[in-house]
Amino acid sequence: MECISVFDMLKIGVGPSSSHTLGPWRAAERWIQELKDSSKFDKVEKVSIDLYGSLSLTGKGHATDYAIMLGLTGANPETIPVNQIDVTIASIKNTNTLLLNNEKSIAFNPKTDIIFNREFLPFHANGMRFSATINGRKTNSNFYSIGGGFVVKEERKISKANKIIFYCTFPYPIENGNDLLKFCNQLNKPISEVVLENEKSIRPIESIDFELQRIWKTMLECMFIGCHTEGNLPGGLNVRRRAYDTHKTLTGSLPYDTPEEWITSIRSTEVKFRQILKWVSCFALAVNEVNASLGRVVTAPTNGSAGVIPAVLMYYLVIENHEADFEHIKKFLLVSGEIGSIFKKGATISAAMGGCQAEIGVSSAMAAGALCELLGGTPEQVVVAAEIAMEHHLGLTCDPIGGLVQIPCIERNAMGAIKAINAAELALDTDPKNVKVPLDKVVATMWETAKDMHSKYKETSEGGLAVGVYLTDC
């Protein structure tokens, strides 16, 4: 059974994509460590990287080449000053030199040493091959970015079955929704507390609280930055940032200086019904506009869907419960992380494998379930909320125009957040005994839909809006 922590599902990184940016970045780090572990690092004369499948087809729009270079320099996506990214990339391009792991200077030409191959490797749609020349001979290592920043290596003995083996050490191992409800009933605890017990088995409570606070702080700062940044997004589509305009209309002259004061100011206003929808959309748009500009976000469960969970959590804090504190935030993140892990185990969170249902659909399900618990839902109703949210994202394609995580990706986060809130409300009015579609069935259906979906709708920019709308129209 796969053992996935909440901190595997909610990771801090740099946009615009968890599978195409954060994953390749982490793969580069792992490859360097491999070279060091095998005492080859100091002997490296030259490096090159081959990108395959979706990483190749939409890699430039997703900044995959940037991520590879940054990972090779040893930069950490969680801590690198985002304003240094362009400086580092420009230096590599201008000098055709790369400081490998910030230790060893080697010749490196991004135009010829990062190769975009259209073909797919058999193990996963997001494949990459790192090559090092040592004593005139090449040594290769393959990695696969399987969604949400997760990176794996192909194991030959199981590659034909396309499976990955994990071992779970949690006291309450959860493979699916039925397992989750079984432990909730057995322990007479809500979902958040069962998840917390698992997390406590691998790290102290102080560390759990610290990391969850860090995740929430990153989400909040991301929303704050997005709501206060004007202009067009980079990438060539000239997409205007909309969160700034919407936020300005909603806030008027509210007094605040920090993100924390911002929450207090919003709570102090009388929010009308129509404004609730605008606020939620504004929060979601803000996050994904930051993501699209290579800003720092929380992968939840992916970068392309990073706006849904913070938008719904912010909705709870500023609309539903003005007395909410960190304990509420903690429960929300614990529940959302567990629901996301169920989808990862039973289906996929990679758009390159399952379309956007695997990103926005999963994030909406995560947020719906988490909100449902905070609103007083039983574990059974929480699972119903997650099911409803995913059921109404089934079949959603991934068709980014120009390979950029902008159109239709940014708006989809707003839609996913609104659906999550609606799903939570529907679940609260539902008797789980009357539910016809259990969560585990919708997870299985999502995976079957993913397998049936044509590859051109799986983050290749070869179908849907990506070809239906010409770049000149934008």
Protein backbone atom coordinates (compact mmCIF):
# COMPACT_ATOMS: atom_id res chain seq x y z
CA MET A 1 0.00 0.00 0.00
CA GLU A 2 1.24 3.47 -0.87
CA CYS A 3 1.98 5.56 2.22
CA ILE A 4 1.38 9.24 1.35
CA SER A 5 1.74 12.04 3.88
CA VAL A 6 -0.26 15.25 3.81
CA PHE A 7 3.07 16.95 3.16
CA ASP A 8 3.50 14.88 0.02
CA MET A 9 0.20 16.21 -1.29
CA LEU A 10 0.75 19.82 -0.20
CA LYS A 11 4.22 20.93 -1.23
CA ILE A 12 5.73 24.41 -1.52
CA GLY A 13 7.30 25.11 -4.89
CA VAL A 14 7.60 27.44 -7.86
CA GLY A 15 5.07 27.66 -10.70
CA PRO A 16 3.73 27.17 -13.22
CA SER A 17 3.40 23.36 -13.07
CA SER A 18 4.02 20.65 -10.47
CA SER A 19 4.50 17.91 -13.06
CA HIS A 20 6.35 20.02 -15.63
CA THR A 21 8.26 22.40 -13.34
CA LEU A 22 8.55 21.13 -9.78
CA GLY A 23 8.90 17.46 -10.81
CA PRO A 24 11.75 18.01 -13.31
CA TRP A 25 13.41 20.36 -10.81
CA ARG A 26 13.35 17.63 -8.14
CA ALA A 27 14.47 15.03 -10.69
CA ALA A 28 17.56 17.13 -11.48
CA GLU A 29 18.34 17.30 -7.76
CA ARG A 30 17.96 13.53 -7.40
CA TRP A 31 20.19 12.89 -10.41
CA ILE A 32 22.96 15.05 -8.96
CA GLN A 33 22.68 13.10 -5.73
CA GLU A 34 22.97 9.86 -7.72
CA LEU A 35 26.17 11.14 -9.31
CA LYS A 36 27.56 12.03 -5.91
CA ASP A 37 26.57 8.71 -4.34
CA SER A 38 28.34 6.84 -7.13
CA SER A 39 31.45 9.09 -6.92
CA LYS A 40 30.88 10.29 -10.49
CA PHE A 41 30.02 13.93 -9.83
CA ASP A 42 33.60 15.27 -9.83
CA LYS A 43 34.31 13.44 -13.11
CA VAL A 44 31.40 14.93 -15.08
CA GLU A 45 32.56 16.66 -18.25
CA LYS A 46 29.22 17.46 -19.85
CA VAL A 47 25.50 16.99 -19.21
CA SER A 48 22.42 16.84 -21.43
CA ILE A 49 18.73 16.27 -20.81
CA ASP A 50 16.14 14.64 -23.07
CA LEU A 51 12.48 15.45 -22.43
CA TYR A 52 9.74 13.13 -23.69
CA GLY A 53 5.98 13.13 -24.20
CA SER A 54 4.02 15.84 -22.46
CA LEU A 55 7.19 17.30 -20.94
CA SER A 56 8.41 17.90 -24.48
CA LEU A 57 5.12 18.96 -26.08
CA THR A 58 4.25 21.64 -23.48
CA GLY A 59 7.59 21.93 -21.70
CA LYS A 60 8.53 25.37 -22.95
CA GLY A 61 5.17 26.84 -21.96
CA HIS A 62 5.50 25.18 -18.55
CA ALA A 63 9.11 26.37 -18.05
CA THR A 64 10.39 22.79 -17.87
CA ASP A 65 13.73 23.86 -19.34
CA TYR A 66 14.04 26.56 -16.66
CA ALA A 67 13.22 24.06 -13.93
CA ILE A 68 15.83 21.59 -15.20
CA MET A 69 18.53 24.27 -15.24
CA LEU A 70 17.61 25.57 -11.80
CA GLY A 71 17.60 22.04 -10.39
CA LEU A 72 21.02 21.37 -11.88
CA THR A 73 22.40 24.46 -10.15
CA GLY A 74 21.28 23.09 -6.78
CA ALA A 75 18.68 25.81 -6.16
CA ASN A 76 15.81 24.84 -3.83
CA PRO A 77 12.29 25.57 -5.19
CA GLU A 78 11.02 26.14 -1.65
CA THR A 79 13.51 28.86 -0.82
CA ILE A 80 14.96 30.38 -4.00
CA PRO A 81 14.07 34.10 -4.25
CA VAL A 82 11.69 34.11 -7.20
CA ASN A 83 13.17 37.38 -8.46
CA GLN A 84 16.47 35.54 -8.94
CA ILE A 85 15.07 32.94 -11.32
CA ASP A 86 15.30 35.06 -14.47
CA VAL A 87 18.76 36.30 -13.42
CA THR A 88 20.07 32.74 -13.04
CA ILE A 89 18.56 31.56 -16.34
CA ALA A 90 19.87 34.62 -18.21
CA SER A 91 23.36 33.98 -16.86
CA ILE A 92 23.34 30.37 -18.08
CA LYS A 93 22.04 31.38 -21.53
CA ASN A 94 24.47 34.29 -21.94
CA THR A 95 27.58 32.41 -20.85
CA ASN A 96 26.66 28.89 -22.01
CA THR A 97 27.99 27.80 -18.64
CA LEU A 98 26.26 26.04 -15.75
CA LEU A 99 27.50 25.77 -12.16
CA LEU A 100 26.51 22.18 -11.45
CA ASN A 101 25.09 21.95 -7.91
CA ASN A 102 26.71 25.36 -7.33
CA GLU A 103 30.05 23.50 -7.19
CA LYS A 104 31.37 22.56 -10.62
CA SER A 105 31.43 24.81 -13.67
CA ILE A 106 30.70 23.03 -16.97
CA ALA A 107 29.89 24.11 -20.53
CA PHE A 108 26.13 24.02 -21.10
CA ASN A 109 24.09 25.36 -24.01
CA PRO A 110 20.34 25.25 -23.23
CA LYS A 111 19.50 25.28 -26.95
CA THR A 112 21.36 22.06 -27.67
CA ASP A 113 21.75 20.36 -24.29
CA ILE A 114 18.02 20.27 -23.47
CA ILE A 115 16.38 18.18 -26.18
CA PHE A 116 12.61 18.17 -26.70
CA ASN A 117 11.58 14.77 -28.11
CA ARG A 118 7.98 14.33 -29.25
CA GLU A 119 7.84 10.59 -28.59
CA PHE A 120 6.63 9.11 -25.31
CA LEU A 121 8.53 6.75 -23.04
CA PRO A 122 6.47 3.66 -22.11
CA PHE A 123 6.43 4.07 -18.33
CA HIS A 124 4.74 7.50 -18.06
CA ALA A 125 3.79 10.46 -20.24
CA ASN A 126 6.23 12.75 -18.38
CA GLY A 127 9.59 11.13 -19.00
CA MET A 128 13.08 12.64 -18.90
CA ARG A 129 16.58 11.26 -19.38
CA PHE A 130 19.62 12.84 -17.73
CA SER A 131 22.96 12.08 -19.36
CA ALA A 132 26.47 12.76 -18.11
CA THR A 133 29.63 12.41 -20.13
CA ILE A 134 32.46 10.95 -18.04
CA ASN A 135 35.83 10.07 -19.61
CA GLY A 136 34.23 10.51 -23.01
CA ARG A 137 31.42 8.01 -22.32
CA LYS A 138 27.76 8.71 -21.56
CA THR A 139 25.87 7.43 -18.54
CA ASN A 140 22.07 7.80 -18.49
CA SER A 141 19.35 7.89 -15.86
CA ASN A 142 15.59 8.06 -16.48
CA PHE A 143 13.07 9.83 -14.24
CA TYR A 144 9.31 10.29 -14.48
CA SER A 145 7.30 13.21 -13.12
CA ILE A 146 4.02 11.51 -12.21
CA GLY A 147 2.06 14.58 -11.04
CA GLY A 148 1.97 16.82 -8.00
CA GLY A 149 5.76 17.11 -7.90
CA PHE A 150 6.17 13.36 -7.32
CA VAL A 151 9.18 11.87 -9.13
CA VAL A 152 9.91 8.16 -9.60
CA LYS A 153 12.39 5.97 -11.44
CA GLU A 154 11.30 3.10 -13.65
CA GLU A 155 11.81 -0.27 -12.01
CA ARG A 156 12.50 -2.82 -14.76
CA LYS A 157 10.85 -5.71 -12.98
CA ILE A 158 7.50 -3.95 -12.80
CA SER A 159 7.67 -1.53 -15.72
CA LYS A 160 5.50 -3.73 -17.93
CA ALA A 161 2.70 -3.56 -15.39
CA ASN A 162 3.17 0.21 -15.07
CA LYS A 163 3.10 -0.12 -11.30
CA ILE A 164 5.10 1.38 -8.47
CA ILE A 165 5.65 -0.46 -5.20
CA PHE A 166 5.42 1.36 -1.86
CA TYR A 167 5.35 0.22 1.74
CA CYS A 168 3.13 1.95 4.29
CA THR A 169 4.09 2.29 7.94
CA PHE A 170 1.08 4.33 9.10
CA PRO A 171 -0.86 2.80 12.02
CA TYR A 172 -4.05 3.36 10.03
CA PRO A 173 -3.14 2.60 6.39
CA ILE A 174 -5.69 4.11 4.03
CA GLU A 175 -5.98 2.92 0.44
CA ASN A 176 -9.47 4.20 -0.36
CA GLY A 177 -12.59 5.85 1.01
CA ASN A 178 -13.85 2.67 2.65
CA ASP A 179 -10.61 2.33 4.61
CA LEU A 180 -10.89 5.94 5.75
CA LEU A 181 -14.45 5.53 7.01
CA LYS A 182 -13.56 2.21 8.66
CA PHE A 183 -10.89 3.85 10.81
CA CYS A 184 -13.10 6.85 11.60
CA ASN A 185 -15.79 4.50 12.91
CA GLN A 186 -13.29 2.25 14.67
CA LEU A 187 -11.65 5.16 16.51
CA ASN A 188 -14.79 7.30 16.75
CA LYS A 189 -12.84 10.23 15.33
CA PRO A 190 -13.39 12.71 12.49
CA ILE A 191 -11.23 12.35 9.39
CA SER A 192 -8.82 15.11 10.41
CA GLU A 193 -7.96 13.32 13.67
CA VAL A 194 -7.38 9.96 11.98
CA VAL A 195 -5.06 11.64 9.49
CA LEU A 196 -3.29 13.43 12.33
CA GLU A 197 -2.64 10.12 14.09
CA ASN A 198 -0.94 8.82 10.95
CA GLU A 199 1.17 11.96 10.63
CA LYS A 200 2.19 11.73 14.30
CA SER A 201 3.60 8.28 13.63
CA ILE A 202 6.32 9.77 11.40
CA ARG A 203 6.97 13.23 12.92
CA PRO A 204 6.30 15.08 16.20
CA ILE A 205 3.20 17.24 16.56
CA GLU A 206 5.35 20.38 16.78
CA SER A 207 6.79 19.62 13.35
CA ILE A 208 3.32 18.93 11.93
CA ASP A 209 2.00 22.25 13.19
CA PHE A 210 5.07 24.14 11.98
CA GLU A 211 4.86 22.70 8.47
CA LEU A 212 1.09 23.24 8.21
CA GLN A 213 1.54 26.85 9.34
CA ARG A 214 4.25 27.29 6.72
CA ILE A 215 1.97 25.86 4.04
CA TRP A 216 -0.90 28.14 5.04
CA LYS A 217 1.39 31.17 5.20
CA THR A 218 2.58 30.45 1.67
CA MET A 219 -1.02 30.09 0.45
CA LEU A 220 -2.05 33.34 2.14
CA GLU A 221 0.93 35.29 0.83
CA CYS A 222 0.27 33.92 -2.64
CA MET A 223 -3.34 35.15 -2.57
CA PHE A 224 -2.20 38.51 -1.18
CA ILE A 225 0.46 38.98 -3.87
CA GLY A 226 -1.94 37.98 -6.63
CA CYS A 227 -4.61 40.39 -5.45
CA HIS A 228 -2.12 43.26 -5.35
CA THR A 229 -0.22 42.72 -8.60
CA GLU A 230 -1.35 44.47 -11.77
CA GLY A 231 -0.39 43.95 -15.40
CA ASN A 232 -0.09 41.11 -17.93
CA LEU A 233 1.20 37.60 -17.36
CA PRO A 234 4.44 36.50 -19.05
CA GLY A 235 4.53 33.96 -21.86
CA GLY A 236 3.30 35.80 -24.95
CA LEU A 237 -0.49 35.47 -24.63
CA ASN A 238 -0.70 38.89 -22.95
CA VAL A 239 -3.28 37.64 -20.45
CA ARG A 240 -4.24 40.46 -18.11
CA ARG A 241 -4.23 39.71 -14.41
CA ARG A 242 -7.85 39.88 -13.24
CA ALA A 243 -7.52 39.30 -9.51
CA TYR A 244 -6.14 42.82 -9.07
CA ASP A 245 -9.14 44.49 -10.72
CA THR A 246 -11.72 42.29 -8.97
CA HIS A 247 -10.03 42.78 -5.60
CA LYS A 248 -9.89 46.54 -6.03
CA THR A 249 -13.62 46.62 -6.80
CA LEU A 250 -14.44 44.48 -3.76
CA THR A 251 -12.24 46.18 -1.17
CA GLY A 252 -12.48 49.83 -2.05
CA SER A 253 -10.40 51.56 0.63
CA LEU A 254 -10.13 48.86 3.31
CA PRO A 255 -7.20 49.59 5.66
CA TYR A 256 -4.47 46.92 5.98
CA ASP A 257 -0.76 46.39 5.48
CA THR A 258 -0.12 42.67 5.96
CA PRO A 259 -1.85 39.48 4.77
CA GLU A 260 -3.08 38.87 8.32
CA GLU A 261 -4.58 42.37 8.55
CA TRP A 262 -6.09 41.76 5.11
CA ILE A 263 -8.14 38.84 6.48
CA THR A 264 -9.38 40.99 9.37
CA SER A 265 -10.39 43.79 7.00
CA ILE A 266 -12.36 41.46 4.74
CA ARG A 267 -14.10 39.96 7.76
CA SER A 268 -15.17 43.44 8.84
CA THR A 269 -17.07 44.12 5.62
CA GLU A 270 -20.67 43.18 4.93
CA VAL A 271 -20.36 40.74 2.05
CA LYS A 272 -23.41 40.47 -0.18
CA PHE A 273 -24.40 37.18 -1.80
CA ARG A 274 -23.09 37.98 -5.29
CA GLN A 275 -19.85 39.23 -3.76
CA ILE A 276 -19.23 35.84 -2.14
CA LEU A 277 -18.81 34.29 -5.58
CA LYS A 278 -16.56 37.16 -6.63
CA TRP A 279 -14.39 36.84 -3.51
CA VAL A 280 -13.91 33.09 -3.96
CA SER A 281 -13.09 33.54 -7.65
CA CYS A 282 -10.73 36.40 -6.80
CA PHE A 283 -8.78 34.28 -4.32
CA ALA A 284 -8.46 31.41 -6.80
CA LEU A 285 -7.47 33.65 -9.72
CA ALA A 286 -4.88 35.40 -7.56
CA VAL A 287 -3.07 32.16 -6.73
CA ASN A 288 -2.92 30.91 -10.28
CA GLU A 289 -1.83 34.23 -11.68
CA VAL A 290 1.10 34.08 -9.28
CA ASN A 291 1.68 30.49 -10.38
CA ALA A 292 1.63 31.46 -14.06
CA SER A 293 4.35 34.05 -13.44
CA LEU A 294 6.78 31.56 -11.83
CA GLY A 295 5.78 32.64 -8.33
CA ARG A 296 5.82 30.52 -5.19
CA VAL A 297 2.67 28.48 -4.54
CA VAL A 298 1.57 25.36 -2.71
CA THR A 299 1.08 22.31 -4.91
CA ALA A 300 -2.46 21.27 -3.96
CA PRO A 301 -2.36 18.66 -5.36
CA THR A 302 -0.74 20.28 -8.43
CA ASN A 303 0.42 23.75 -9.37
CA GLY A 304 -2.15 24.05 -12.13
CA SER A 305 -4.87 23.52 -9.52
CA ALA A 306 -3.14 25.38 -6.69
CA GLY A 307 -5.85 28.03 -6.34
CA VAL A 308 -8.81 25.85 -5.36
CA ILE A 309 -7.87 24.82 -1.82
CA PRO A 310 -6.62 28.22 -0.58
CA ALA A 311 -9.67 29.93 -2.11
CA VAL A 312 -12.11 27.60 -0.33
CA LEU A 313 -10.20 27.78 2.95
CA MET A 314 -10.13 31.58 2.70
CA TYR A 315 -13.88 31.50 2.04
CA TYR A 316 -14.36 29.63 5.32
CA LEU A 317 -12.18 32.10 7.23
CA VAL A 318 -13.66 35.34 5.91
CA ILE A 319 -17.26 34.34 5.13
CA GLU A 320 -18.31 31.31 7.18
CA ASN A 321 -16.46 31.62 10.47
CA HIS A 322 -14.84 34.86 11.60
CA GLU A 323 -13.64 33.16 14.79
CA ALA A 324 -11.72 30.47 12.92
CA ASP A 325 -8.08 29.99 13.94
CA PHE A 326 -5.13 27.75 13.13
CA GLU A 327 -6.89 24.64 14.45
CA HIS A 328 -9.54 25.06 11.76
CA ILE A 329 -6.87 25.61 9.10
CA LYS A 330 -5.06 22.51 10.35
CA LYS A 331 -8.15 20.31 10.08
CA PHE A 332 -8.88 21.62 6.58
CA LEU A 333 -5.38 20.85 5.31
CA LEU A 334 -5.28 17.41 6.94
CA VAL A 335 -8.59 16.36 5.40
CA SER A 336 -7.80 17.78 1.97
CA GLY A 337 -4.42 16.08 1.91
CA GLU A 338 -5.92 12.67 2.72
CA ILE A 339 -8.62 12.94 0.07
CA GLY A 340 -5.99 13.89 -2.49
CA SER A 341 -3.91 10.85 -1.57
CA ILE A 342 -6.90 8.56 -2.17
CA PHE A 343 -7.19 9.88 -5.72
CA LYS A 344 -3.46 9.52 -6.29
CA LYS A 345 -3.52 5.90 -5.12
CA GLY A 346 -6.67 4.91 -7.01
CA ALA A 347 -6.28 7.00 -10.15
CA THR A 348 -3.88 9.86 -10.92
CA ILE A 349 -3.20 13.52 -10.17
CA SER A 350 -1.29 14.01 -13.42
CA ALA A 351 -3.00 15.90 -16.25
CA ALA A 352 -0.59 14.24 -18.65
CA MET A 353 -2.17 10.92 -17.64
CA GLY A 354 -5.76 11.91 -16.89
CA GLY A 355 -6.57 15.36 -18.23
CA CYS A 356 -7.65 18.25 -16.05
CA GLN A 357 -10.10 16.06 -14.11
CA ALA A 358 -6.94 14.78 -12.41
CA GLU A 359 -5.97 18.28 -11.32
CA ILE A 360 -8.94 20.63 -10.92
CA GLY A 361 -11.28 17.71 -10.27
CA VAL A 362 -9.10 16.30 -7.51
CA SER A 363 -8.42 19.69 -5.93
CA SER A 364 -12.14 20.45 -5.92
CA ALA A 365 -12.84 17.11 -4.22
CA MET A 366 -10.11 17.80 -1.66
CA ALA A 367 -11.50 21.24 -0.86
CA ALA A 368 -15.12 20.04 -0.77
CA GLY A 369 -14.38 17.32 1.76
CA ALA A 370 -12.27 19.57 3.95
CA LEU A 371 -14.90 22.33 3.98
CA CYS A 372 -17.61 19.80 4.76
CA GLU A 373 -15.82 18.69 7.95
CA LEU A 374 -15.34 22.30 9.11
CA LEU A 375 -19.03 22.96 8.52
CA GLY A 376 -19.95 20.06 10.81
CA GLY A 377 -20.21 17.20 8.35
CA THR A 378 -19.77 13.61 9.48
CA PRO A 379 -16.95 11.52 7.96
CA GLU A 380 -19.55 9.91 5.69
CA GLN A 381 -20.73 13.33 4.51
CA VAL A 382 -17.16 14.48 3.96
CA VAL A 383 -16.61 11.54 1.63
CA VAL A 384 -19.89 12.35 -0.13
CA ALA A 385 -18.73 15.94 -0.66
CA ALA A 386 -15.51 14.76 -2.28
CA GLU A 387 -17.44 12.38 -4.52
CA ILE A 388 -19.89 15.06 -5.66
CA ALA A 389 -17.10 17.47 -6.54
CA MET A 390 -15.23 14.90 -8.63
CA GLU A 391 -18.37 13.48 -10.25
CA HIS A 392 -18.98 16.85 -11.88
CA HIS A 393 -15.44 17.18 -13.19
CA LEU A 394 -15.30 13.76 -14.88
CA GLY A 395 -13.94 13.96 -18.41
CA LEU A 396 -12.44 17.45 -18.03
CA THR A 397 -9.63 17.75 -20.58
CA CYS A 398 -6.26 19.48 -20.27
CA ASP A 399 -5.82 21.71 -23.31
CA PRO A 400 -3.64 24.72 -22.40
CA ILE A 401 -3.31 27.30 -25.15
CA GLY A 402 0.33 27.72 -26.12
CA GLY A 403 1.30 25.13 -23.52
CA LEU A 404 0.97 27.85 -20.88
CA VAL A 405 -0.77 27.34 -17.54
CA GLN A 406 -3.05 30.32 -18.23
CA ILE A 407 -5.99 29.67 -20.57
CA PRO A 408 -8.20 27.92 -19.51
CA CYS A 409 -6.27 26.84 -16.41
CA ILE A 410 -6.60 29.99 -14.29
CA GLU A 411 -10.37 30.31 -14.65
CA ARG A 412 -10.81 26.60 -13.99
CA ASN A 413 -9.47 27.13 -10.47
CA ALA A 414 -12.27 29.60 -9.79
CA MET A 415 -14.83 27.15 -11.14
CA GLY A 416 -13.34 24.29 -9.11
CA ALA A 417 -13.51 26.35 -5.92
CA ILE A 418 -17.15 27.29 -6.45
CA LYS A 419 -18.04 23.65 -7.21
CA ALA A 420 -16.26 22.56 -4.03
CA ILE A 421 -18.35 24.87 -1.87
CA ASN A 422 -21.54 23.74 -3.58
CA ALA A 423 -20.54 20.07 -3.18
CA ALA A 424 -19.93 20.56 0.54
CA GLU A 425 -23.33 22.18 1.00
CA LEU A 426 -25.07 19.40 -0.95
CA ALA A 427 -23.30 16.78 1.15
CA LEU A 428 -24.40 18.41 4.40
CA ASP A 429 -28.01 17.99 3.29
CA THR A 430 -27.45 14.38 2.21
CA ASP A 431 -28.10 11.19 4.14
CA PRO A 432 -25.07 9.06 3.15
CA LYS A 433 -27.30 5.96 3.27
CA ASN A 434 -29.09 7.26 0.19
CA VAL A 435 -25.95 7.90 -1.86
CA LYS A 436 -25.83 5.90 -5.10
CA VAL A 437 -22.24 6.73 -6.14
CA PRO A 438 -19.62 6.09 -3.44
CA LEU A 439 -16.27 7.87 -3.52
CA ASP A 440 -14.33 4.74 -4.44
CA LYS A 441 -16.54 4.22 -7.49
CA VAL A 442 -15.96 7.75 -8.73
CA VAL A 443 -12.20 7.36 -8.19
CA ALA A 444 -12.24 4.18 -10.28
CA THR A 445 -14.41 5.86 -12.90
CA MET A 446 -12.05 8.80 -13.09
CA TRP A 447 -9.17 6.45 -13.80
CA GLU A 448 -11.12 4.57 -16.46
CA THR A 449 -12.07 7.89 -18.04
CA ALA A 450 -8.42 8.91 -17.97
CA LYS A 451 -7.38 5.76 -19.79
CA ASP A 452 -10.10 6.23 -22.41
CA MET A 453 -9.27 9.89 -23.00
CA HIS A 454 -7.38 10.63 -26.21
CA SER A 455 -3.77 11.67 -25.65
CA LYS A 456 -4.32 15.01 -27.38
CA TYR A 457 -6.47 16.07 -24.41
CA LYS A 458 -3.79 15.17 -21.85
CA GLU A 459 -1.58 18.24 -21.52
CA THR A 460 -0.13 18.05 -25.02
CA SER A 461 -1.67 21.23 -26.47
CA GLU A 462 -2.68 19.14 -29.48
CA GLY A 463 -6.45 19.27 -28.95
CA GLY A 464 -9.36 21.25 -27.53
CA LEU A 465 -8.90 24.96 -26.92
CA ALA A 466 -5.18 24.64 -27.58
CA VAL A 467 -5.92 24.17 -31.29
CA GLY A 468 -9.44 25.61 -31.40
CA VAL A 469 -8.15 29.05 -30.45
CA TYR A 470 -5.29 30.43 -32.50
CA LEU A 471 -2.54 32.35 -30.70
CA THR A 472 -3.27 35.31 -32.96
CA ASP A 473 -6.78 35.43 -31.49
CA CYS A 474 -5.26 36.03 -28.04
